[in-house]
Amino acid sequence: NPYQSAKKGGIGGFFKGVGTGLVGAVASPFTATFKAASSVSAGIGSASSNLTLGKVEKQERFRHPRYISPAGIIKEYNVELALAQLIVATVEKGRYSNELIKFSATFYQYNKGKKESANTFVITEKHLVYVRDPERLIFKCKLANVSHTEVFSEGMDIASGNSIHHLVIQANKKTFEFMCDKYYDI
């Protein structure tokens, strides 16, 4: 403060106060910047210590990875298509992962009118795959062995408001029937 320095030391005190004020005005922002950087560094160090000590829970994925076709084509994100990609990448150790996905549908098992479990049906360019979850295969066959397919609507699921569809597949001299309330045609 030049005024108080001038009161104590006269004209020399005045110039000393001006000089001290100018140095403080220049040095103060740098000091604040270094303090902020030090606080950020301490926070990062603390967070990394907590991670390595297992004090912070690992975050799982929020969604499945986006579908990218074998030709490298990226489409708009779609939950059903991402699930279909996960299935072909994991079922039977990724045996179908290099095949283009043509169709995917979610099928539900009902017990006394209530949905119990979701199963997924995926058609690739060469295979039909039906799974309980991405790793539990229920049904598979080569497309070349399919002699007949039919999809028909049976009405509406009151709880979800979605139409109920039946998918009938004749393959290997057997008939398989699946029911779904939601499907995604690619």
N, C-alpha and C. Protein backbone atom coordinates (compact mmCIF):
# COMPACT_ATOMS: atom_id res chain seq x y z
N ASN A 1 0.85 -1.17 0.00
CA ASN A 1 0.00 0.00 0.00
C ASN A 1 0.90 1.23 0.00
N PRO A 2 0.95 2.02 -1.10
CA PRO A 2 1.84 3.18 -1.19
C PRO A 2 1.52 4.26 -0.15
N TYR A 3 0.27 4.50 0.18
CA TYR A 3 -0.11 5.56 1.13
C TYR A 3 0.48 5.29 2.50
N GLN A 4 0.29 4.07 3.00
CA GLN A 4 0.80 3.77 4.35
C GLN A 4 2.32 3.73 4.35
N SER A 5 2.94 3.25 3.25
CA SER A 5 4.40 3.26 3.17
C SER A 5 4.92 4.69 3.15
N ALA A 6 4.23 5.63 2.48
CA ALA A 6 4.64 7.04 2.43
C ALA A 6 4.52 7.68 3.80
N LYS A 7 3.50 7.31 4.59
CA LYS A 7 3.34 7.84 5.94
C LYS A 7 4.52 7.43 6.83
N LYS A 8 4.99 6.21 6.65
CA LYS A 8 6.07 5.69 7.49
C LYS A 8 7.44 6.12 6.97
N GLY A 9 7.65 6.10 5.67
CA GLY A 9 8.99 6.34 5.14
C GLY A 9 9.10 7.51 4.21
N GLY A 10 8.11 8.33 4.10
CA GLY A 10 8.16 9.48 3.22
C GLY A 10 8.07 9.08 1.76
N ILE A 11 8.79 9.91 0.92
CA ILE A 11 8.72 9.67 -0.52
C ILE A 11 9.35 8.33 -0.89
N GLY A 12 10.39 7.92 -0.19
CA GLY A 12 11.02 6.62 -0.44
C GLY A 12 10.07 5.48 -0.11
N GLY A 13 9.32 5.65 0.98
CA GLY A 13 8.33 4.65 1.36
C GLY A 13 7.21 4.54 0.34
N PHE A 14 6.86 5.71 -0.26
CA PHE A 14 5.82 5.72 -1.30
C PHE A 14 6.24 4.83 -2.47
N PHE A 15 7.48 5.06 -2.98
CA PHE A 15 7.95 4.28 -4.13
C PHE A 15 8.15 2.80 -3.77
N LYS A 16 8.54 2.55 -2.53
CA LYS A 16 8.69 1.18 -2.07
C LYS A 16 7.32 0.48 -2.05
N GLY A 17 6.26 1.20 -1.61
CA GLY A 17 4.91 0.65 -1.59
C GLY A 17 4.38 0.38 -3.00
N VAL A 18 4.68 1.31 -3.95
CA VAL A 18 4.25 1.11 -5.35
C VAL A 18 4.95 -0.13 -5.93
N GLY A 19 6.25 -0.25 -5.68
CA GLY A 19 7.01 -1.40 -6.19
C GLY A 19 6.50 -2.72 -5.62
N THR A 20 6.22 -2.75 -4.32
CA THR A 20 5.71 -3.96 -3.69
C THR A 20 4.35 -4.34 -4.27
N GLY A 21 3.50 -3.34 -4.51
CA GLY A 21 2.17 -3.59 -5.10
C GLY A 21 2.25 -4.15 -6.50
N LEU A 22 3.20 -3.59 -7.31
CA LEU A 22 3.35 -4.08 -8.69
C LEU A 22 3.86 -5.53 -8.71
N VAL A 23 4.85 -5.82 -7.86
CA VAL A 23 5.37 -7.19 -7.80
C VAL A 23 4.27 -8.15 -7.36
N GLY A 24 3.48 -7.75 -6.38
CA GLY A 24 2.39 -8.59 -5.89
C GLY A 24 1.33 -8.83 -6.96
N ALA A 25 1.03 -7.78 -7.75
CA ALA A 25 0.02 -7.91 -8.82
C ALA A 25 0.46 -8.89 -9.90
N VAL A 26 1.77 -8.91 -10.17
CA VAL A 26 2.29 -9.82 -11.19
C VAL A 26 2.45 -11.24 -10.62
N ALA A 27 2.94 -11.36 -9.40
CA ALA A 27 3.23 -12.67 -8.82
C ALA A 27 1.99 -13.40 -8.33
N SER A 28 0.97 -12.69 -7.92
CA SER A 28 -0.22 -13.31 -7.34
C SER A 28 -0.92 -14.30 -8.26
N PRO A 29 -1.17 -14.01 -9.56
CA PRO A 29 -1.81 -15.00 -10.43
C PRO A 29 -0.97 -16.27 -10.61
N PHE A 30 0.38 -16.11 -10.66
CA PHE A 30 1.24 -17.28 -10.79
C PHE A 30 1.16 -18.15 -9.55
N THR A 31 1.12 -17.53 -8.40
CA THR A 31 1.04 -18.27 -7.14
C THR A 31 -0.27 -19.06 -7.09
N ALA A 32 -1.37 -18.40 -7.47
CA ALA A 32 -2.67 -19.07 -7.47
C ALA A 32 -2.69 -20.24 -8.46
N THR A 33 -2.07 -20.07 -9.62
CA THR A 33 -2.01 -21.14 -10.62
C THR A 33 -1.23 -22.34 -10.08
N PHE A 34 -0.10 -22.07 -9.44
CA PHE A 34 0.69 -23.17 -8.88
C PHE A 34 -0.04 -23.87 -7.75
N LYS A 35 -0.78 -23.13 -6.93
CA LYS A 35 -1.55 -23.76 -5.86
C LYS A 35 -2.64 -24.66 -6.44
N ALA A 36 -3.33 -24.18 -7.51
CA ALA A 36 -4.38 -24.98 -8.15
C ALA A 36 -3.80 -26.25 -8.76
N ALA A 37 -2.65 -26.11 -9.43
CA ALA A 37 -2.01 -27.28 -10.05
C ALA A 37 -1.59 -28.28 -8.98
N SER A 38 -1.11 -27.79 -7.87
CA SER A 38 -0.71 -28.67 -6.77
C SER A 38 -1.92 -29.41 -6.20
N SER A 39 -3.05 -28.72 -6.05
CA SER A 39 -4.27 -29.36 -5.54
C SER A 39 -4.78 -30.43 -6.50
N VAL A 40 -4.76 -30.14 -7.80
CA VAL A 40 -5.20 -31.12 -8.80
C VAL A 40 -4.29 -32.34 -8.77
N SER A 41 -2.99 -32.12 -8.69
CA SER A 41 -2.03 -33.23 -8.64
C SER A 41 -2.26 -34.10 -7.41
N ALA A 42 -2.51 -33.46 -6.27
CA ALA A 42 -2.76 -34.21 -5.04
C ALA A 42 -4.04 -35.05 -5.18
N GLY A 43 -5.08 -34.47 -5.80
CA GLY A 43 -6.33 -35.21 -6.01
C GLY A 43 -6.15 -36.41 -6.91
N ILE A 44 -5.41 -36.23 -7.99
CA ILE A 44 -5.15 -37.34 -8.92
C ILE A 44 -4.34 -38.43 -8.22
N GLY A 45 -3.36 -38.02 -7.45
CA GLY A 45 -2.55 -38.99 -6.72
C GLY A 45 -3.38 -39.78 -5.73
N SER A 46 -4.28 -39.10 -5.03
CA SER A 46 -5.15 -39.77 -4.07
C SER A 46 -6.10 -40.75 -4.76
N ALA A 47 -6.66 -40.32 -5.88
CA ALA A 47 -7.59 -41.19 -6.62
C ALA A 47 -6.87 -42.43 -7.15
N SER A 48 -5.65 -42.25 -7.67
CA SER A 48 -4.93 -43.41 -8.19
C SER A 48 -4.53 -44.36 -7.06
N SER A 49 -4.21 -43.81 -5.89
CA SER A 49 -3.90 -44.67 -4.73
C SER A 49 -5.13 -45.48 -4.34
N ASN A 50 -6.29 -44.84 -4.34
CA ASN A 50 -7.53 -45.55 -4.00
C ASN A 50 -7.83 -46.65 -5.00
N LEU A 51 -7.56 -46.39 -6.29
CA LEU A 51 -7.80 -47.40 -7.32
C LEU A 51 -6.88 -48.60 -7.13
N THR A 52 -5.60 -48.33 -6.89
CA THR A 52 -4.66 -49.45 -6.75
C THR A 52 -4.88 -50.23 -5.46
N LEU A 53 -5.41 -49.58 -4.45
CA LEU A 53 -5.69 -50.27 -3.19
C LEU A 53 -7.05 -50.96 -3.19
N GLY A 54 -7.81 -50.81 -4.28
CA GLY A 54 -9.11 -51.46 -4.39
C GLY A 54 -10.21 -50.77 -3.61
N LYS A 55 -10.05 -49.50 -3.28
CA LYS A 55 -11.06 -48.77 -2.51
C LYS A 55 -12.16 -48.19 -3.40
N VAL A 56 -11.96 -48.19 -4.71
CA VAL A 56 -12.94 -47.65 -5.65
C VAL A 56 -13.45 -48.81 -6.49
N GLU A 57 -14.79 -48.92 -6.63
CA GLU A 57 -15.38 -49.99 -7.42
C GLU A 57 -15.12 -49.77 -8.90
N LYS A 58 -14.83 -50.86 -9.59
CA LYS A 58 -14.63 -50.80 -11.03
C LYS A 58 -15.98 -50.58 -11.71
N GLN A 59 -16.03 -49.66 -12.67
CA GLN A 59 -17.27 -49.38 -13.39
C GLN A 59 -17.40 -50.33 -14.57
N GLU A 60 -18.57 -50.93 -14.70
CA GLU A 60 -18.85 -51.82 -15.83
C GLU A 60 -19.35 -50.97 -17.00
N ARG A 61 -19.44 -51.60 -18.16
CA ARG A 61 -19.95 -50.89 -19.34
C ARG A 61 -21.39 -50.45 -19.12
N PHE A 62 -21.72 -49.31 -19.70
CA PHE A 62 -23.09 -48.84 -19.65
C PHE A 62 -23.90 -49.42 -20.80
N ARG A 63 -23.25 -49.75 -21.89
CA ARG A 63 -23.93 -50.35 -23.03
C ARG A 63 -22.95 -51.25 -23.77
N HIS A 64 -23.48 -52.14 -24.59
CA HIS A 64 -22.65 -53.02 -25.40
C HIS A 64 -21.98 -52.19 -26.50
N PRO A 65 -20.83 -52.65 -27.00
CA PRO A 65 -20.16 -51.90 -28.07
C PRO A 65 -21.02 -51.81 -29.33
N ARG A 66 -20.85 -50.74 -30.06
CA ARG A 66 -21.58 -50.50 -31.31
C ARG A 66 -21.24 -51.59 -32.33
N TYR A 67 -22.24 -51.98 -33.13
CA TYR A 67 -22.05 -52.98 -34.17
C TYR A 67 -21.23 -52.38 -35.32
N ILE A 68 -20.21 -53.09 -35.71
CA ILE A 68 -19.43 -52.74 -36.89
C ILE A 68 -19.42 -53.99 -37.76
N SER A 69 -19.92 -53.87 -38.96
CA SER A 69 -20.02 -55.04 -39.84
C SER A 69 -18.63 -55.54 -40.23
N PRO A 70 -18.54 -56.81 -40.68
CA PRO A 70 -17.24 -57.34 -41.12
C PRO A 70 -16.61 -56.49 -42.23
N ALA A 71 -17.43 -55.74 -42.99
CA ALA A 71 -16.90 -54.88 -44.04
C ALA A 71 -16.41 -53.54 -43.47
N GLY A 72 -16.56 -53.34 -42.14
CA GLY A 72 -16.10 -52.11 -41.51
C GLY A 72 -17.12 -50.98 -41.51
N ILE A 73 -18.37 -51.29 -41.83
CA ILE A 73 -19.41 -50.26 -41.88
C ILE A 73 -19.97 -50.03 -40.48
N ILE A 74 -20.00 -48.76 -40.06
CA ILE A 74 -20.51 -48.40 -38.75
C ILE A 74 -21.91 -47.84 -38.92
N LYS A 75 -22.87 -48.40 -38.18
CA LYS A 75 -24.25 -47.92 -38.24
C LYS A 75 -24.59 -47.16 -36.96
N GLU A 76 -25.72 -46.46 -36.98
CA GLU A 76 -26.21 -45.76 -35.79
C GLU A 76 -26.38 -46.76 -34.65
N TYR A 77 -26.11 -46.33 -33.41
CA TYR A 77 -26.17 -47.26 -32.28
C TYR A 77 -27.58 -47.81 -32.11
N ASN A 78 -27.66 -49.13 -31.93
CA ASN A 78 -28.92 -49.81 -31.72
C ASN A 78 -28.70 -50.89 -30.68
N VAL A 79 -29.48 -50.89 -29.61
CA VAL A 79 -29.29 -51.82 -28.50
C VAL A 79 -29.39 -53.27 -28.96
N GLU A 80 -30.42 -53.62 -29.75
CA GLU A 80 -30.61 -54.99 -30.19
C GLU A 80 -29.45 -55.46 -31.07
N LEU A 81 -29.00 -54.59 -31.94
CA LEU A 81 -27.89 -54.94 -32.83
C LEU A 81 -26.59 -55.09 -32.04
N ALA A 82 -26.40 -54.25 -31.03
CA ALA A 82 -25.21 -54.37 -30.18
C ALA A 82 -25.23 -55.69 -29.41
N LEU A 83 -26.42 -56.09 -28.91
CA LEU A 83 -26.55 -57.37 -28.23
C LEU A 83 -26.28 -58.53 -29.19
N ALA A 84 -26.80 -58.42 -30.40
CA ALA A 84 -26.56 -59.47 -31.41
C ALA A 84 -25.07 -59.60 -31.69
N GLN A 85 -24.37 -58.48 -31.77
CA GLN A 85 -22.93 -58.52 -32.00
C GLN A 85 -22.22 -59.19 -30.83
N LEU A 86 -22.64 -58.87 -29.61
CA LEU A 86 -22.05 -59.50 -28.43
C LEU A 86 -22.25 -61.02 -28.48
N ILE A 87 -23.42 -61.44 -28.89
CA ILE A 87 -23.73 -62.87 -28.96
C ILE A 87 -22.84 -63.57 -29.97
N VAL A 88 -22.77 -63.04 -31.19
CA VAL A 88 -21.95 -63.72 -32.20
C VAL A 88 -20.46 -63.66 -31.85
N ALA A 89 -20.06 -62.68 -31.05
CA ALA A 89 -18.65 -62.59 -30.65
C ALA A 89 -18.31 -63.54 -29.51
N THR A 90 -19.31 -63.94 -28.70
CA THR A 90 -19.00 -64.76 -27.52
C THR A 90 -19.49 -66.20 -27.61
N VAL A 91 -20.64 -66.44 -28.25
CA VAL A 91 -21.16 -67.81 -28.29
C VAL A 91 -20.20 -68.70 -29.07
N GLU A 92 -19.97 -69.87 -28.54
CA GLU A 92 -19.03 -70.83 -29.12
C GLU A 92 -17.68 -70.19 -29.45
N LYS A 93 -17.20 -69.40 -28.50
CA LYS A 93 -15.88 -68.74 -28.59
C LYS A 93 -15.72 -67.90 -29.86
N GLY A 94 -16.78 -67.21 -30.25
CA GLY A 94 -16.71 -66.28 -31.38
C GLY A 94 -16.76 -66.92 -32.75
N ARG A 95 -17.26 -68.14 -32.81
CA ARG A 95 -17.30 -68.89 -34.08
C ARG A 95 -18.02 -68.13 -35.19
N TYR A 96 -19.02 -67.30 -34.84
CA TYR A 96 -19.83 -66.61 -35.85
C TYR A 96 -19.47 -65.13 -36.00
N SER A 97 -18.41 -64.68 -35.35
CA SER A 97 -18.11 -63.25 -35.29
C SER A 97 -17.71 -62.62 -36.62
N ASN A 98 -17.27 -63.41 -37.58
CA ASN A 98 -16.89 -62.85 -38.88
C ASN A 98 -18.04 -62.87 -39.88
N GLU A 99 -19.24 -63.22 -39.40
CA GLU A 99 -20.40 -63.28 -40.29
C GLU A 99 -21.25 -62.02 -40.12
N LEU A 100 -21.81 -61.55 -41.21
CA LEU A 100 -22.68 -60.38 -41.20
C LEU A 100 -24.00 -60.73 -40.52
N ILE A 101 -24.45 -59.90 -39.60
CA ILE A 101 -25.73 -60.12 -38.90
C ILE A 101 -26.86 -59.64 -39.80
N LYS A 102 -27.85 -60.51 -40.04
CA LYS A 102 -28.97 -60.19 -40.92
C LYS A 102 -30.26 -59.89 -40.15
N PHE A 103 -30.42 -60.51 -38.97
CA PHE A 103 -31.68 -60.38 -38.22
C PHE A 103 -31.40 -60.67 -36.76
N SER A 104 -32.14 -59.97 -35.88
CA SER A 104 -32.02 -60.23 -34.45
C SER A 104 -33.39 -60.02 -33.81
N ALA A 105 -33.74 -60.87 -32.85
CA ALA A 105 -35.02 -60.73 -32.15
C ALA A 105 -34.86 -61.18 -30.71
N THR A 106 -35.60 -60.53 -29.82
CA THR A 106 -35.62 -60.93 -28.42
C THR A 106 -36.89 -61.71 -28.17
N PHE A 107 -36.76 -62.91 -27.61
CA PHE A 107 -37.89 -63.79 -27.33
C PHE A 107 -37.98 -63.97 -25.83
N TYR A 108 -39.17 -64.00 -25.32
CA TYR A 108 -39.36 -64.13 -23.88
C TYR A 108 -40.04 -65.45 -23.56
N GLN A 109 -39.63 -66.05 -22.46
CA GLN A 109 -40.32 -67.22 -21.95
C GLN A 109 -41.33 -66.71 -20.93
N TYR A 110 -42.57 -67.16 -21.07
CA TYR A 110 -43.64 -66.73 -20.19
C TYR A 110 -44.00 -67.86 -19.21
N ASN A 111 -44.34 -67.47 -18.00
CA ASN A 111 -44.84 -68.42 -17.01
C ASN A 111 -46.05 -67.78 -16.36
N LYS A 112 -47.24 -68.35 -16.59
CA LYS A 112 -48.50 -67.81 -16.07
C LYS A 112 -48.70 -66.34 -16.45
N GLY A 113 -48.39 -66.02 -17.70
CA GLY A 113 -48.61 -64.68 -18.23
C GLY A 113 -47.52 -63.67 -17.91
N LYS A 114 -46.48 -64.05 -17.18
CA LYS A 114 -45.41 -63.12 -16.82
C LYS A 114 -44.14 -63.49 -17.57
N LYS A 115 -43.44 -62.45 -18.05
CA LYS A 115 -42.16 -62.70 -18.70
C LYS A 115 -41.16 -63.15 -17.65
N GLU A 116 -40.45 -64.24 -17.96
CA GLU A 116 -39.45 -64.74 -17.02
C GLU A 116 -38.03 -64.50 -17.50
N SER A 117 -37.75 -64.85 -18.72
CA SER A 117 -36.39 -64.68 -19.20
C SER A 117 -36.40 -64.28 -20.66
N ALA A 118 -35.36 -63.56 -21.04
CA ALA A 118 -35.23 -63.12 -22.43
C ALA A 118 -34.20 -63.99 -23.13
N ASN A 119 -34.57 -64.46 -24.30
CA ASN A 119 -33.66 -65.20 -25.15
C ASN A 119 -33.50 -64.40 -26.44
N THR A 120 -32.40 -64.59 -27.11
CA THR A 120 -32.15 -63.81 -28.32
C THR A 120 -31.88 -64.75 -29.49
N PHE A 121 -32.47 -64.41 -30.61
CA PHE A 121 -32.35 -65.17 -31.84
C PHE A 121 -31.60 -64.29 -32.84
N VAL A 122 -30.52 -64.80 -33.40
CA VAL A 122 -29.72 -64.04 -34.36
C VAL A 122 -29.55 -64.86 -35.63
N ILE A 123 -29.78 -64.21 -36.76
CA ILE A 123 -29.51 -64.84 -38.05
C ILE A 123 -28.32 -64.10 -38.66
N THR A 124 -27.26 -64.86 -38.95
CA THR A 124 -26.11 -64.30 -39.64
C THR A 124 -26.22 -64.70 -41.11
N GLU A 125 -25.22 -64.37 -41.88
CA GLU A 125 -25.27 -64.72 -43.29
C GLU A 125 -25.17 -66.23 -43.54
N LYS A 126 -24.75 -67.01 -42.51
CA LYS A 126 -24.60 -68.45 -42.70
C LYS A 126 -25.30 -69.30 -41.64
N HIS A 127 -25.69 -68.72 -40.50
CA HIS A 127 -26.21 -69.51 -39.38
C HIS A 127 -27.42 -68.88 -38.70
N LEU A 128 -28.18 -69.74 -38.00
CA LEU A 128 -29.21 -69.32 -37.06
C LEU A 128 -28.69 -69.66 -35.67
N VAL A 129 -28.77 -68.71 -34.74
CA VAL A 129 -28.27 -68.93 -33.38
C VAL A 129 -29.33 -68.43 -32.41
N TYR A 130 -29.67 -69.26 -31.41
CA TYR A 130 -30.66 -68.90 -30.39
C TYR A 130 -30.01 -69.11 -29.04
N VAL A 131 -29.92 -68.05 -28.22
CA VAL A 131 -29.20 -68.14 -26.95
C VAL A 131 -30.05 -67.63 -25.78
N ARG A 132 -29.76 -68.14 -24.59
CA ARG A 132 -30.40 -67.67 -23.35
C ARG A 132 -29.71 -66.40 -22.88
N ASP A 133 -28.41 -66.37 -22.92
CA ASP A 133 -27.60 -65.19 -22.65
C ASP A 133 -26.42 -65.28 -23.61
N PRO A 134 -25.57 -64.29 -23.68
CA PRO A 134 -24.53 -64.33 -24.71
C PRO A 134 -23.64 -65.57 -24.70
N GLU A 135 -23.66 -66.37 -23.64
CA GLU A 135 -22.78 -67.52 -23.61
C GLU A 135 -23.50 -68.87 -23.54
N ARG A 136 -24.83 -68.86 -23.44
CA ARG A 136 -25.57 -70.13 -23.31
C ARG A 136 -26.37 -70.41 -24.57
N LEU A 137 -25.82 -71.24 -25.41
CA LEU A 137 -26.43 -71.60 -26.69
C LEU A 137 -27.57 -72.58 -26.47
N ILE A 138 -28.74 -72.29 -27.06
CA ILE A 138 -29.89 -73.18 -26.95
C ILE A 138 -30.10 -73.93 -28.27
N PHE A 139 -29.94 -73.21 -29.39
CA PHE A 139 -30.24 -73.78 -30.70
C PHE A 139 -29.32 -73.14 -31.73
N LYS A 140 -28.86 -73.93 -32.69
CA LYS A 140 -28.09 -73.40 -33.81
C LYS A 140 -28.30 -74.30 -35.01
N CYS A 141 -28.19 -73.73 -36.19
CA CYS A 141 -28.19 -74.52 -37.42
C CYS A 141 -27.66 -73.67 -38.56
N LYS A 142 -27.20 -74.33 -39.60
CA LYS A 142 -26.73 -73.62 -40.78
C LYS A 142 -27.93 -73.18 -41.60
N LEU A 143 -27.82 -72.02 -42.21
CA LEU A 143 -28.92 -71.53 -43.06
C LEU A 143 -29.21 -72.50 -44.19
N ALA A 144 -28.20 -73.18 -44.68
CA ALA A 144 -28.38 -74.13 -45.78
C ALA A 144 -29.32 -75.27 -45.39
N ASN A 145 -29.46 -75.55 -44.09
CA ASN A 145 -30.33 -76.63 -43.62
C ASN A 145 -31.76 -76.19 -43.34
N VAL A 146 -32.06 -74.91 -43.53
CA VAL A 146 -33.41 -74.40 -43.29
C VAL A 146 -34.25 -74.63 -44.54
N SER A 147 -35.38 -75.31 -44.36
CA SER A 147 -36.24 -75.59 -45.50
C SER A 147 -37.43 -74.64 -45.57
N HIS A 148 -37.82 -74.05 -44.42
CA HIS A 148 -38.99 -73.16 -44.42
C HIS A 148 -38.94 -72.25 -43.20
N THR A 149 -39.33 -70.99 -43.40
CA THR A 149 -39.49 -70.06 -42.27
C THR A 149 -40.78 -69.30 -42.45
N GLU A 150 -41.37 -68.91 -41.35
CA GLU A 150 -42.61 -68.14 -41.40
C GLU A 150 -42.70 -67.28 -40.15
N VAL A 151 -43.11 -66.02 -40.35
CA VAL A 151 -43.35 -65.12 -39.22
C VAL A 151 -44.80 -64.67 -39.32
N PHE A 152 -45.52 -64.79 -38.22
CA PHE A 152 -46.89 -64.29 -38.22
C PHE A 152 -47.20 -63.61 -36.90
N SER A 153 -48.13 -62.69 -36.96
CA SER A 153 -48.52 -61.91 -35.78
C SER A 153 -49.69 -62.60 -35.09
N GLU A 154 -49.68 -62.57 -33.76
CA GLU A 154 -50.73 -63.24 -33.01
C GLU A 154 -51.55 -62.28 -32.15
N GLY A 155 -51.27 -61.02 -32.16
CA GLY A 155 -51.99 -60.08 -31.32
C GLY A 155 -51.04 -59.15 -30.62
N MET A 156 -51.42 -58.72 -29.39
CA MET A 156 -50.62 -57.74 -28.68
C MET A 156 -50.40 -58.14 -27.23
N ASP A 157 -49.19 -57.88 -26.73
CA ASP A 157 -48.86 -58.07 -25.32
C ASP A 157 -49.40 -56.86 -24.57
N ILE A 158 -50.36 -57.06 -23.69
CA ILE A 158 -51.01 -55.96 -22.98
C ILE A 158 -50.01 -55.20 -22.11
N ALA A 159 -49.11 -55.90 -21.45
CA ALA A 159 -48.16 -55.25 -20.54
C ALA A 159 -47.22 -54.30 -21.26
N SER A 160 -46.67 -54.72 -22.41
CA SER A 160 -45.69 -53.88 -23.11
C SER A 160 -46.31 -53.05 -24.23
N GLY A 161 -47.48 -53.46 -24.72
CA GLY A 161 -48.08 -52.76 -25.85
C GLY A 161 -47.48 -53.18 -27.19
N ASN A 162 -46.57 -54.15 -27.18
CA ASN A 162 -45.93 -54.61 -28.41
C ASN A 162 -46.72 -55.76 -29.03
N SER A 163 -46.61 -55.88 -30.35
CA SER A 163 -47.23 -57.00 -31.04
C SER A 163 -46.49 -58.28 -30.73
N ILE A 164 -47.23 -59.39 -30.66
CA ILE A 164 -46.62 -60.70 -30.44
C ILE A 164 -46.42 -61.34 -31.80
N HIS A 165 -45.22 -61.83 -32.05
CA HIS A 165 -44.88 -62.47 -33.31
C HIS A 165 -44.42 -63.89 -33.04
N HIS A 166 -44.76 -64.79 -33.94
CA HIS A 166 -44.28 -66.17 -33.90
C HIS A 166 -43.33 -66.35 -35.07
N LEU A 167 -42.23 -67.00 -34.82
CA LEU A 167 -41.28 -67.34 -35.85
C LEU A 167 -41.21 -68.86 -35.90
N VAL A 168 -41.52 -69.42 -37.05
CA VAL A 168 -41.50 -70.88 -37.23
C VAL A 168 -40.37 -71.19 -38.20
N ILE A 169 -39.52 -72.13 -37.80
CA ILE A 169 -38.38 -72.52 -38.62
C ILE A 169 -38.40 -74.03 -38.77
N GLN A 170 -38.29 -74.47 -40.01
CA GLN A 170 -38.13 -75.90 -40.28
C GLN A 170 -36.70 -76.10 -40.75
N ALA A 171 -35.96 -76.87 -39.95
CA ALA A 171 -34.55 -77.13 -40.27
C ALA A 171 -34.20 -78.53 -39.80
N ASN A 172 -33.39 -79.19 -40.57
CA ASN A 172 -32.95 -80.55 -40.23
C ASN A 172 -34.14 -81.47 -39.95
N LYS A 173 -35.22 -81.32 -40.73
CA LYS A 173 -36.43 -82.14 -40.63
C LYS A 173 -37.16 -81.98 -39.30
N LYS A 174 -36.93 -80.88 -38.60
CA LYS A 174 -37.63 -80.56 -37.35
C LYS A 174 -38.23 -79.18 -37.47
N THR A 175 -39.28 -78.93 -36.68
CA THR A 175 -39.92 -77.62 -36.66
C THR A 175 -39.68 -76.97 -35.31
N PHE A 176 -39.23 -75.73 -35.35
CA PHE A 176 -38.97 -74.95 -34.15
C PHE A 176 -39.85 -73.72 -34.19
N GLU A 177 -40.49 -73.40 -33.06
CA GLU A 177 -41.36 -72.22 -33.00
C GLU A 177 -40.89 -71.32 -31.87
N PHE A 178 -40.75 -70.03 -32.19
CA PHE A 178 -40.31 -69.04 -31.22
C PHE A 178 -41.33 -67.91 -31.18
N MET A 179 -41.51 -67.32 -30.02
CA MET A 179 -42.46 -66.23 -29.86
C MET A 179 -41.69 -65.00 -29.37
N CYS A 180 -41.96 -63.84 -29.95
CA CYS A 180 -41.29 -62.62 -29.51
C CYS A 180 -42.25 -61.44 -29.54
N ASP A 181 -41.92 -60.41 -28.75
CA ASP A 181 -42.72 -59.19 -28.81
C ASP A 181 -41.92 -58.03 -29.37
N LYS A 182 -40.68 -58.29 -29.78
CA LYS A 182 -39.84 -57.22 -30.32
C LYS A 182 -38.77 -57.86 -31.17
N TYR A 183 -38.61 -57.38 -32.40
CA TYR A 183 -37.52 -57.88 -33.22
C TYR A 183 -36.93 -56.75 -34.02
N TYR A 184 -35.70 -56.94 -34.45
CA TYR A 184 -34.98 -55.92 -35.19
C TYR A 184 -34.48 -56.53 -36.48
N ASP A 185 -35.00 -56.07 -37.59
CA ASP A 185 -34.59 -56.55 -38.90
C ASP A 185 -33.50 -55.62 -39.42
N ILE A 186 -32.37 -56.17 -39.77
CA ILE A 186 -31.21 -55.34 -40.15
C ILE A 186 -31.15 -55.13 -41.63
